[in-house]
Amino acid sequence: MLPDSARPGDSTAPGATTDPAPPFPAANRAAVEPVAALVAVIVVGLALGLYAGAFADAAPDEDRASATAALDRVEDAVTVGGVVDPKRLRRAEAPGTATAIELEAGGERWSAASGPEAPGPPGARSPEAVAVAERRVTVRVAPGRNVRGTLRAVVWR
C-alpha cells in the first residue's frame, strides 16, 4: 500500500510527472458504425413522420363538425322516448345548411332533404363535396317493433 503522501497524481510523490495523463486513451472512446447511425436517423425520421401524420388526422375537421351538429339537431327532432320514428323524419330541419337526412333500418331506407340544393342519394353525390356523420339508433318499424338502424346526416361542404 502506498503512503498517504504517495498518492497517484500527487506531484510530490517519487517518480511522479507534472503532465496529467488523459483519463481514457483515444482508442477507448465510443464510436458508432456509419450504417448503424444511418439506420437510427431513418428510424427517428419515420417515427416523427408517423407522429405528424397521426396528429394531423386527429385534428377536428370543420366540415365533419357541421355534419355532426346537423345530425344532433335531426336526432333530437325525430326521436321520441329514445326511439327514432321514421314518420317524423320529414319534420327534421337543419337550418342554414343544405342537408340530406337518411335513415336505414330493417332493410328499409327513408330520406329527407332540406331543400333542392341538398346532397342526393349515395350513388349520386361525390365524396369530395359532402361531409357525412352517422350514428346507430333504435328505429320503430311497426307498432311495438323496434330494430337497430343508422341515422345519417349528409351536408354540402
N, C-alpha and C. Protein backbone atom coordinates (compact mmCIF):
# COMPACT_ATOMS: atom_id res chain seq x y z
N MET A 1 0.82 -1.16 0.00
CA MET A 1 0.00 0.00 0.00
C MET A 1 0.88 1.24 0.00
N LEU A 2 0.42 2.26 -0.70
CA LEU A 2 1.20 3.49 -0.80
C LEU A 2 0.92 4.37 0.42
N PRO A 3 1.94 5.07 0.90
CA PRO A 3 1.66 6.00 1.99
C PRO A 3 0.82 7.16 1.47
N ASP A 4 0.21 7.89 2.40
CA ASP A 4 -0.69 9.00 2.04
C ASP A 4 0.01 10.04 1.18
N SER A 5 1.27 10.21 1.38
CA SER A 5 1.99 11.21 0.60
C SER A 5 2.31 10.75 -0.81
N ALA A 6 2.13 9.47 -1.10
CA ALA A 6 2.48 8.93 -2.42
C ALA A 6 1.23 8.53 -3.20
N ARG A 7 0.23 9.34 -3.22
CA ARG A 7 -1.00 9.05 -3.98
C ARG A 7 -0.74 9.26 -5.47
N PRO A 8 -1.43 8.50 -6.35
CA PRO A 8 -1.26 8.72 -7.78
C PRO A 8 -1.76 10.11 -8.15
N GLY A 9 -1.02 10.78 -9.01
CA GLY A 9 -1.38 12.12 -9.44
C GLY A 9 -0.84 13.19 -8.49
N ASP A 10 -0.20 12.77 -7.40
CA ASP A 10 0.38 13.72 -6.46
C ASP A 10 1.74 14.11 -6.99
N SER A 11 1.97 15.40 -7.17
CA SER A 11 3.23 15.85 -7.77
C SER A 11 4.41 15.70 -6.83
N THR A 12 4.18 15.44 -5.56
CA THR A 12 5.28 15.29 -4.61
C THR A 12 5.71 13.85 -4.48
N ALA A 13 4.99 12.93 -5.09
CA ALA A 13 5.35 11.52 -4.97
C ALA A 13 6.60 11.24 -5.77
N PRO A 14 7.39 10.31 -5.29
CA PRO A 14 8.61 9.99 -6.04
C PRO A 14 8.26 9.39 -7.40
N GLY A 15 8.89 9.84 -8.46
CA GLY A 15 8.68 9.33 -9.82
C GLY A 15 7.46 9.92 -10.49
N ALA A 16 6.78 10.88 -9.88
CA ALA A 16 5.58 11.49 -10.46
C ALA A 16 5.97 12.54 -11.47
N THR A 17 5.15 12.69 -12.51
CA THR A 17 5.39 13.72 -13.52
C THR A 17 4.34 14.79 -13.35
N THR A 18 4.64 15.93 -13.87
CA THR A 18 3.69 17.04 -13.76
C THR A 18 2.66 17.03 -14.88
N ASP A 19 2.82 16.22 -15.92
CA ASP A 19 1.84 16.12 -17.02
C ASP A 19 0.73 15.16 -16.61
N PRO A 20 -0.49 15.67 -16.54
CA PRO A 20 -1.58 14.74 -16.19
C PRO A 20 -1.87 13.82 -17.37
N ALA A 21 -2.12 12.58 -17.11
CA ALA A 21 -2.43 11.58 -18.14
C ALA A 21 -3.92 11.67 -18.46
N PRO A 22 -4.33 11.52 -19.74
CA PRO A 22 -5.75 11.55 -20.05
C PRO A 22 -6.45 10.38 -19.37
N PRO A 23 -7.68 10.59 -18.89
CA PRO A 23 -8.35 9.51 -18.17
C PRO A 23 -8.66 8.31 -19.06
N PHE A 24 -8.92 8.53 -20.35
CA PHE A 24 -9.19 7.42 -21.26
C PHE A 24 -8.33 7.59 -22.50
N PRO A 25 -7.71 6.54 -22.91
CA PRO A 25 -6.95 6.65 -24.16
C PRO A 25 -7.91 6.85 -25.34
N ALA A 26 -7.45 7.43 -26.41
CA ALA A 26 -8.27 7.73 -27.58
C ALA A 26 -8.88 6.47 -28.19
N ALA A 27 -8.23 5.34 -28.06
CA ALA A 27 -8.74 4.10 -28.65
C ALA A 27 -9.97 3.59 -27.91
N ASN A 28 -10.20 4.00 -26.68
CA ASN A 28 -11.33 3.51 -25.89
C ASN A 28 -12.56 4.40 -26.00
N ARG A 29 -12.53 5.47 -26.76
CA ARG A 29 -13.68 6.37 -26.88
C ARG A 29 -14.78 5.70 -27.68
N ALA A 30 -16.03 6.10 -27.40
CA ALA A 30 -17.18 5.50 -28.06
C ALA A 30 -17.23 5.92 -29.53
N ALA A 31 -17.62 4.99 -30.37
CA ALA A 31 -17.76 5.27 -31.79
C ALA A 31 -18.95 4.47 -32.30
N VAL A 32 -19.62 5.01 -33.32
CA VAL A 32 -20.77 4.34 -33.91
C VAL A 32 -20.46 4.04 -35.36
N GLU A 33 -20.83 2.86 -35.77
CA GLU A 33 -20.65 2.49 -37.16
C GLU A 33 -21.53 3.38 -38.03
N PRO A 34 -21.09 3.77 -39.22
CA PRO A 34 -21.90 4.64 -40.09
C PRO A 34 -23.24 4.03 -40.47
N VAL A 35 -23.29 2.73 -40.69
CA VAL A 35 -24.55 2.09 -41.09
C VAL A 35 -25.54 2.14 -39.93
N ALA A 36 -25.07 1.87 -38.72
CA ALA A 36 -25.96 1.91 -37.56
C ALA A 36 -26.47 3.33 -37.32
N ALA A 37 -25.63 4.33 -37.50
CA ALA A 37 -26.06 5.71 -37.33
C ALA A 37 -27.10 6.09 -38.39
N LEU A 38 -26.90 5.65 -39.62
CA LEU A 38 -27.84 5.94 -40.70
C LEU A 38 -29.19 5.29 -40.41
N VAL A 39 -29.17 4.04 -39.96
CA VAL A 39 -30.42 3.34 -39.63
C VAL A 39 -31.14 4.07 -38.50
N ALA A 40 -30.41 4.52 -37.49
CA ALA A 40 -31.03 5.24 -36.38
C ALA A 40 -31.66 6.54 -36.84
N VAL A 41 -31.01 7.26 -37.72
CA VAL A 41 -31.57 8.52 -38.24
C VAL A 41 -32.83 8.24 -39.06
N ILE A 42 -32.83 7.19 -39.85
CA ILE A 42 -34.00 6.84 -40.65
C ILE A 42 -35.17 6.44 -39.75
N VAL A 43 -34.90 5.67 -38.71
CA VAL A 43 -35.96 5.23 -37.79
C VAL A 43 -36.57 6.44 -37.07
N VAL A 44 -35.74 7.35 -36.62
CA VAL A 44 -36.25 8.55 -35.95
C VAL A 44 -37.06 9.39 -36.93
N GLY A 45 -36.60 9.53 -38.16
CA GLY A 45 -37.35 10.28 -39.16
C GLY A 45 -38.71 9.66 -39.46
N LEU A 46 -38.75 8.34 -39.58
CA LEU A 46 -40.02 7.66 -39.82
C LEU A 46 -40.96 7.82 -38.63
N ALA A 47 -40.44 7.71 -37.43
CA ALA A 47 -41.26 7.86 -36.24
C ALA A 47 -41.86 9.27 -36.18
N LEU A 48 -41.07 10.28 -36.47
CA LEU A 48 -41.59 11.65 -36.48
C LEU A 48 -42.64 11.84 -37.57
N GLY A 49 -42.41 11.23 -38.73
CA GLY A 49 -43.40 11.33 -39.81
C GLY A 49 -44.72 10.67 -39.45
N LEU A 50 -44.67 9.49 -38.83
CA LEU A 50 -45.89 8.81 -38.40
C LEU A 50 -46.62 9.62 -37.33
N TYR A 51 -45.87 10.19 -36.41
CA TYR A 51 -46.48 11.01 -35.36
C TYR A 51 -47.16 12.23 -35.96
N ALA A 52 -46.49 12.90 -36.88
CA ALA A 52 -47.08 14.08 -37.51
C ALA A 52 -48.33 13.71 -38.30
N GLY A 53 -48.31 12.58 -38.98
CA GLY A 53 -49.49 12.14 -39.73
C GLY A 53 -50.66 11.82 -38.81
N ALA A 54 -50.39 11.14 -37.71
CA ALA A 54 -51.45 10.81 -36.76
C ALA A 54 -51.99 12.07 -36.11
N PHE A 55 -51.12 13.02 -35.83
CA PHE A 55 -51.55 14.28 -35.21
C PHE A 55 -52.43 15.07 -36.18
N ALA A 56 -52.08 15.07 -37.45
CA ALA A 56 -52.88 15.79 -38.45
C ALA A 56 -54.25 15.14 -38.62
N ASP A 57 -54.32 13.80 -38.56
CA ASP A 57 -55.60 13.11 -38.68
C ASP A 57 -56.48 13.33 -37.46
N ALA A 58 -55.88 13.61 -36.32
CA ALA A 58 -56.65 13.79 -35.09
C ALA A 58 -57.25 15.19 -34.98
N ALA A 59 -56.83 16.10 -35.83
CA ALA A 59 -57.35 17.46 -35.78
C ALA A 59 -58.82 17.46 -36.18
N PRO A 60 -59.64 18.26 -35.50
CA PRO A 60 -61.05 18.27 -35.85
C PRO A 60 -61.26 18.82 -37.26
N ASP A 61 -62.13 18.19 -37.98
CA ASP A 61 -62.46 18.62 -39.34
C ASP A 61 -63.67 19.53 -39.27
N GLU A 62 -63.53 20.73 -39.78
CA GLU A 62 -64.60 21.72 -39.70
C GLU A 62 -65.87 21.22 -40.40
N ASP A 63 -65.73 20.55 -41.54
CA ASP A 63 -66.89 20.04 -42.26
C ASP A 63 -67.56 18.91 -41.50
N ARG A 64 -66.76 18.06 -40.91
CA ARG A 64 -67.30 16.95 -40.12
C ARG A 64 -68.08 17.49 -38.92
N ALA A 65 -67.60 18.60 -38.34
CA ALA A 65 -68.29 19.18 -37.20
C ALA A 65 -69.67 19.69 -37.61
N SER A 66 -69.79 20.27 -38.81
CA SER A 66 -71.10 20.75 -39.25
C SER A 66 -72.05 19.58 -39.49
N ALA A 67 -71.55 18.47 -40.01
CA ALA A 67 -72.39 17.30 -40.22
C ALA A 67 -72.82 16.70 -38.88
N THR A 68 -71.93 16.68 -37.91
CA THR A 68 -72.26 16.16 -36.58
C THR A 68 -73.30 17.05 -35.90
N ALA A 69 -73.14 18.36 -36.04
CA ALA A 69 -74.11 19.29 -35.45
C ALA A 69 -75.49 19.10 -36.09
N ALA A 70 -75.53 18.94 -37.41
CA ALA A 70 -76.80 18.71 -38.11
C ALA A 70 -77.42 17.39 -37.65
N LEU A 71 -76.59 16.36 -37.47
CA LEU A 71 -77.09 15.06 -37.01
C LEU A 71 -77.68 15.18 -35.61
N ASP A 72 -77.04 15.94 -34.74
CA ASP A 72 -77.57 16.14 -33.38
C ASP A 72 -78.94 16.81 -33.41
N ARG A 73 -79.07 17.86 -34.23
CA ARG A 73 -80.36 18.56 -34.32
C ARG A 73 -81.45 17.65 -34.88
N VAL A 74 -81.10 16.88 -35.90
CA VAL A 74 -82.09 16.00 -36.52
C VAL A 74 -82.49 14.89 -35.56
N GLU A 75 -81.52 14.33 -34.87
CA GLU A 75 -81.85 13.24 -33.94
C GLU A 75 -82.79 13.72 -32.85
N ASP A 76 -82.58 14.93 -32.34
CA ASP A 76 -83.49 15.48 -31.34
C ASP A 76 -84.90 15.64 -31.90
N ALA A 77 -85.01 16.00 -33.18
CA ALA A 77 -86.32 16.23 -33.79
C ALA A 77 -87.07 14.94 -34.10
N VAL A 78 -86.39 13.87 -34.41
CA VAL A 78 -87.06 12.64 -34.85
C VAL A 78 -87.15 11.56 -33.76
N THR A 79 -86.57 11.82 -32.60
CA THR A 79 -86.54 10.81 -31.54
C THR A 79 -87.67 11.07 -30.54
N VAL A 80 -88.38 10.00 -30.21
CA VAL A 80 -89.43 10.04 -29.19
C VAL A 80 -89.14 8.90 -28.22
N GLY A 81 -88.81 9.26 -26.98
CA GLY A 81 -88.54 8.23 -25.97
C GLY A 81 -87.32 7.39 -26.30
N GLY A 82 -86.34 7.95 -26.97
CA GLY A 82 -85.12 7.22 -27.30
C GLY A 82 -85.23 6.37 -28.55
N VAL A 83 -86.37 6.42 -29.24
CA VAL A 83 -86.59 5.63 -30.45
C VAL A 83 -86.89 6.58 -31.61
N VAL A 84 -86.22 6.37 -32.74
CA VAL A 84 -86.43 7.21 -33.92
C VAL A 84 -87.70 6.75 -34.63
N ASP A 85 -88.55 7.72 -34.92
CA ASP A 85 -89.79 7.44 -35.65
C ASP A 85 -89.61 7.94 -37.08
N PRO A 86 -89.58 7.05 -38.08
CA PRO A 86 -89.38 7.46 -39.47
C PRO A 86 -90.43 8.45 -39.97
N LYS A 87 -91.66 8.44 -39.39
CA LYS A 87 -92.70 9.37 -39.82
C LYS A 87 -92.33 10.81 -39.47
N ARG A 88 -91.51 11.01 -38.45
CA ARG A 88 -91.11 12.35 -38.04
C ARG A 88 -89.92 12.87 -38.85
N LEU A 89 -89.37 12.04 -39.72
CA LEU A 89 -88.18 12.42 -40.48
C LEU A 89 -88.43 13.63 -41.37
N ARG A 90 -89.63 13.77 -41.91
CA ARG A 90 -89.95 14.90 -42.79
C ARG A 90 -89.93 16.24 -42.04
N ARG A 91 -90.13 16.19 -40.72
CA ARG A 91 -90.16 17.42 -39.93
C ARG A 91 -88.76 17.90 -39.54
N ALA A 92 -87.76 17.05 -39.76
CA ALA A 92 -86.41 17.41 -39.35
C ALA A 92 -85.84 18.48 -40.26
N GLU A 93 -85.24 19.49 -39.66
CA GLU A 93 -84.63 20.57 -40.43
C GLU A 93 -83.25 20.85 -39.87
N ALA A 94 -82.36 21.25 -40.74
CA ALA A 94 -81.03 21.71 -40.34
C ALA A 94 -80.87 23.09 -40.93
N PRO A 95 -81.29 24.13 -40.21
CA PRO A 95 -81.28 25.47 -40.78
C PRO A 95 -79.89 25.95 -41.15
N GLY A 96 -79.82 26.67 -42.28
CA GLY A 96 -78.56 27.27 -42.71
C GLY A 96 -77.66 26.37 -43.53
N THR A 97 -77.99 25.11 -43.66
CA THR A 97 -77.14 24.20 -44.44
C THR A 97 -78.00 23.37 -45.37
N ALA A 98 -77.42 23.00 -46.50
CA ALA A 98 -78.08 22.07 -47.42
C ALA A 98 -77.80 20.66 -46.91
N THR A 99 -78.81 20.03 -46.32
CA THR A 99 -78.62 18.76 -45.62
C THR A 99 -79.58 17.71 -46.14
N ALA A 100 -79.08 16.50 -46.27
CA ALA A 100 -79.92 15.35 -46.56
C ALA A 100 -79.84 14.41 -45.35
N ILE A 101 -81.00 13.90 -44.92
CA ILE A 101 -81.06 13.01 -43.78
C ILE A 101 -81.48 11.64 -44.30
N GLU A 102 -80.75 10.61 -43.89
CA GLU A 102 -81.05 9.25 -44.32
C GLU A 102 -81.19 8.36 -43.09
N LEU A 103 -82.14 7.45 -43.15
CA LEU A 103 -82.36 6.50 -42.07
C LEU A 103 -82.49 5.12 -42.69
N GLU A 104 -81.66 4.19 -42.22
CA GLU A 104 -81.71 2.82 -42.71
C GLU A 104 -81.95 1.89 -41.53
N ALA A 105 -82.93 0.99 -41.69
CA ALA A 105 -83.22 0.02 -40.64
C ALA A 105 -84.10 -1.09 -41.19
N GLY A 106 -83.83 -2.30 -40.78
CA GLY A 106 -84.66 -3.44 -41.17
C GLY A 106 -84.82 -3.61 -42.67
N GLY A 107 -83.81 -3.28 -43.45
CA GLY A 107 -83.87 -3.42 -44.90
C GLY A 107 -84.61 -2.29 -45.60
N GLU A 108 -85.08 -1.30 -44.87
CA GLU A 108 -85.78 -0.16 -45.45
C GLU A 108 -84.92 1.08 -45.35
N ARG A 109 -85.23 2.04 -46.22
CA ARG A 109 -84.49 3.31 -46.22
C ARG A 109 -85.48 4.47 -46.35
N TRP A 110 -85.32 5.45 -45.46
CA TRP A 110 -86.10 6.68 -45.51
C TRP A 110 -85.12 7.83 -45.70
N SER A 111 -85.56 8.87 -46.40
CA SER A 111 -84.69 10.02 -46.57
C SER A 111 -85.51 11.29 -46.63
N ALA A 112 -84.86 12.39 -46.27
CA ALA A 112 -85.48 13.71 -46.33
C ALA A 112 -84.37 14.70 -46.65
N ALA A 113 -84.72 15.76 -47.38
CA ALA A 113 -83.75 16.78 -47.77
C ALA A 113 -84.24 18.14 -47.30
N SER A 114 -83.29 19.03 -47.00
CA SER A 114 -83.64 20.36 -46.50
C SER A 114 -83.91 21.35 -47.62
N GLY A 115 -83.79 20.93 -48.85
CA GLY A 115 -84.06 21.84 -49.97
C GLY A 115 -83.55 21.27 -51.28
N PRO A 116 -83.75 21.99 -52.39
CA PRO A 116 -83.33 21.47 -53.68
C PRO A 116 -81.82 21.35 -53.82
N GLU A 117 -81.03 22.12 -53.06
CA GLU A 117 -79.58 22.02 -53.18
C GLU A 117 -78.97 21.00 -52.21
N ALA A 118 -79.79 20.23 -51.54
CA ALA A 118 -79.30 19.21 -50.61
C ALA A 118 -78.63 18.07 -51.38
N PRO A 119 -77.67 17.39 -50.75
CA PRO A 119 -76.98 16.28 -51.42
C PRO A 119 -77.96 15.19 -51.83
N GLY A 120 -77.65 14.52 -52.94
CA GLY A 120 -78.51 13.47 -53.45
C GLY A 120 -78.24 12.13 -52.78
N PRO A 121 -78.81 11.06 -53.36
CA PRO A 121 -78.60 9.72 -52.79
C PRO A 121 -77.12 9.31 -52.86
N PRO A 122 -76.72 8.28 -52.08
CA PRO A 122 -75.30 7.91 -52.00
C PRO A 122 -74.62 7.69 -53.34
N GLY A 123 -75.28 7.12 -54.32
CA GLY A 123 -74.65 6.87 -55.61
C GLY A 123 -74.46 8.13 -56.44
N ALA A 124 -75.26 9.16 -56.18
CA ALA A 124 -75.21 10.37 -56.99
C ALA A 124 -74.31 11.46 -56.44
N ARG A 125 -74.00 11.43 -55.15
CA ARG A 125 -73.20 12.51 -54.57
C ARG A 125 -71.71 12.17 -54.62
N SER A 126 -70.91 13.20 -54.75
CA SER A 126 -69.46 12.98 -54.77
C SER A 126 -68.92 13.09 -53.35
N PRO A 127 -68.01 12.20 -52.96
CA PRO A 127 -67.48 12.21 -51.59
C PRO A 127 -66.71 13.49 -51.26
N GLU A 128 -66.16 14.17 -52.26
CA GLU A 128 -65.39 15.39 -52.01
C GLU A 128 -66.29 16.57 -51.69
N ALA A 129 -67.56 16.51 -52.08
CA ALA A 129 -68.45 17.66 -51.95
C ALA A 129 -69.30 17.62 -50.69
N VAL A 130 -69.24 16.55 -49.91
CA VAL A 130 -70.12 16.43 -48.75
C VAL A 130 -69.37 15.98 -47.51
N ALA A 131 -69.93 16.32 -46.36
CA ALA A 131 -69.45 15.81 -45.07
C ALA A 131 -70.56 14.91 -44.53
N VAL A 132 -70.19 13.76 -44.00
CA VAL A 132 -71.18 12.79 -43.55
C VAL A 132 -70.92 12.46 -42.08
N ALA A 133 -71.99 12.42 -41.30
CA ALA A 133 -71.93 11.96 -39.92
C ALA A 133 -73.05 10.96 -39.74
N GLU A 134 -72.77 9.86 -39.06
CA GLU A 134 -73.81 8.86 -38.85
C GLU A 134 -73.74 8.32 -37.44
N ARG A 135 -74.87 7.74 -37.01
CA ARG A 135 -74.97 7.25 -35.65
C ARG A 135 -75.93 6.07 -35.64
N ARG A 136 -75.64 5.05 -34.83
CA ARG A 136 -76.52 3.90 -34.65
C ARG A 136 -77.66 4.31 -33.73
N VAL A 137 -78.89 4.00 -34.13
CA VAL A 137 -80.07 4.37 -33.36
C VAL A 137 -81.05 3.20 -33.35
N THR A 138 -82.03 3.29 -32.47
CA THR A 138 -83.14 2.34 -32.45
C THR A 138 -84.28 2.96 -33.25
N VAL A 139 -84.85 2.16 -34.17
CA VAL A 139 -85.86 2.68 -35.09
C VAL A 139 -87.16 1.89 -34.92
N ARG A 140 -88.28 2.61 -34.87
CA ARG A 140 -89.59 1.98 -34.79
C ARG A 140 -90.02 1.63 -36.21
N VAL A 141 -90.15 0.35 -36.52
CA VAL A 141 -90.57 -0.07 -37.87
C VAL A 141 -92.04 -0.49 -37.91
N ALA A 142 -92.60 -0.77 -36.76
CA ALA A 142 -94.02 -1.11 -36.65
C ALA A 142 -94.41 -0.88 -35.19
N PRO A 143 -95.70 -0.76 -34.93
CA PRO A 143 -96.10 -0.57 -33.53
C PRO A 143 -95.59 -1.72 -32.65
N GLY A 144 -94.81 -1.37 -31.66
CA GLY A 144 -94.25 -2.37 -30.74
C GLY A 144 -93.06 -3.12 -31.29
N ARG A 145 -92.55 -2.77 -32.47
CA ARG A 145 -91.40 -3.48 -33.06
C ARG A 145 -90.30 -2.47 -33.39
N ASN A 146 -89.16 -2.61 -32.72
CA ASN A 146 -88.02 -1.73 -32.91
C ASN A 146 -86.82 -2.54 -33.39
N VAL A 147 -86.02 -1.94 -34.26
CA VAL A 147 -84.79 -2.58 -34.75
C VAL A 147 -83.67 -1.55 -34.72
N ARG A 148 -82.43 -2.05 -34.79
CA ARG A 148 -81.27 -1.15 -34.85
C ARG A 148 -81.14 -0.63 -36.26
N GLY A 149 -80.76 0.63 -36.37
CA GLY A 149 -80.59 1.24 -37.68
C GLY A 149 -79.51 2.30 -37.64
N THR A 150 -79.34 2.99 -38.76
CA THR A 150 -78.33 4.05 -38.88
C THR A 150 -79.02 5.34 -39.32
N LEU A 151 -78.77 6.38 -38.55
CA LEU A 151 -79.24 7.72 -38.90
C LEU A 151 -78.04 8.48 -39.42
N ARG A 152 -78.18 9.06 -40.62
CA ARG A 152 -77.05 9.71 -41.28
C ARG A 152 -77.43 11.12 -41.72
N ALA A 153 -76.53 12.07 -41.49
CA ALA A 153 -76.70 13.44 -41.98
C ALA A 153 -75.61 13.71 -43.00
N VAL A 154 -76.02 14.19 -44.17
CA VAL A 154 -75.09 14.49 -45.26
C VAL A 154 -75.21 15.98 -45.55
N VAL A 155 -74.08 16.71 -45.45
CA VAL A 155 -74.08 18.16 -45.57
C VAL A 155 -73.13 18.56 -46.68
N TRP A 156 -73.56 19.53 -47.53
CA TRP A 156 -72.66 20.09 -48.54
C TRP A 156 -71.54 20.84 -47.84
N ARG A 157 -70.34 20.69 -48.34
CA ARG A 157 -69.18 21.41 -47.78
C ARG A 157 -69.13 22.81 -48.32
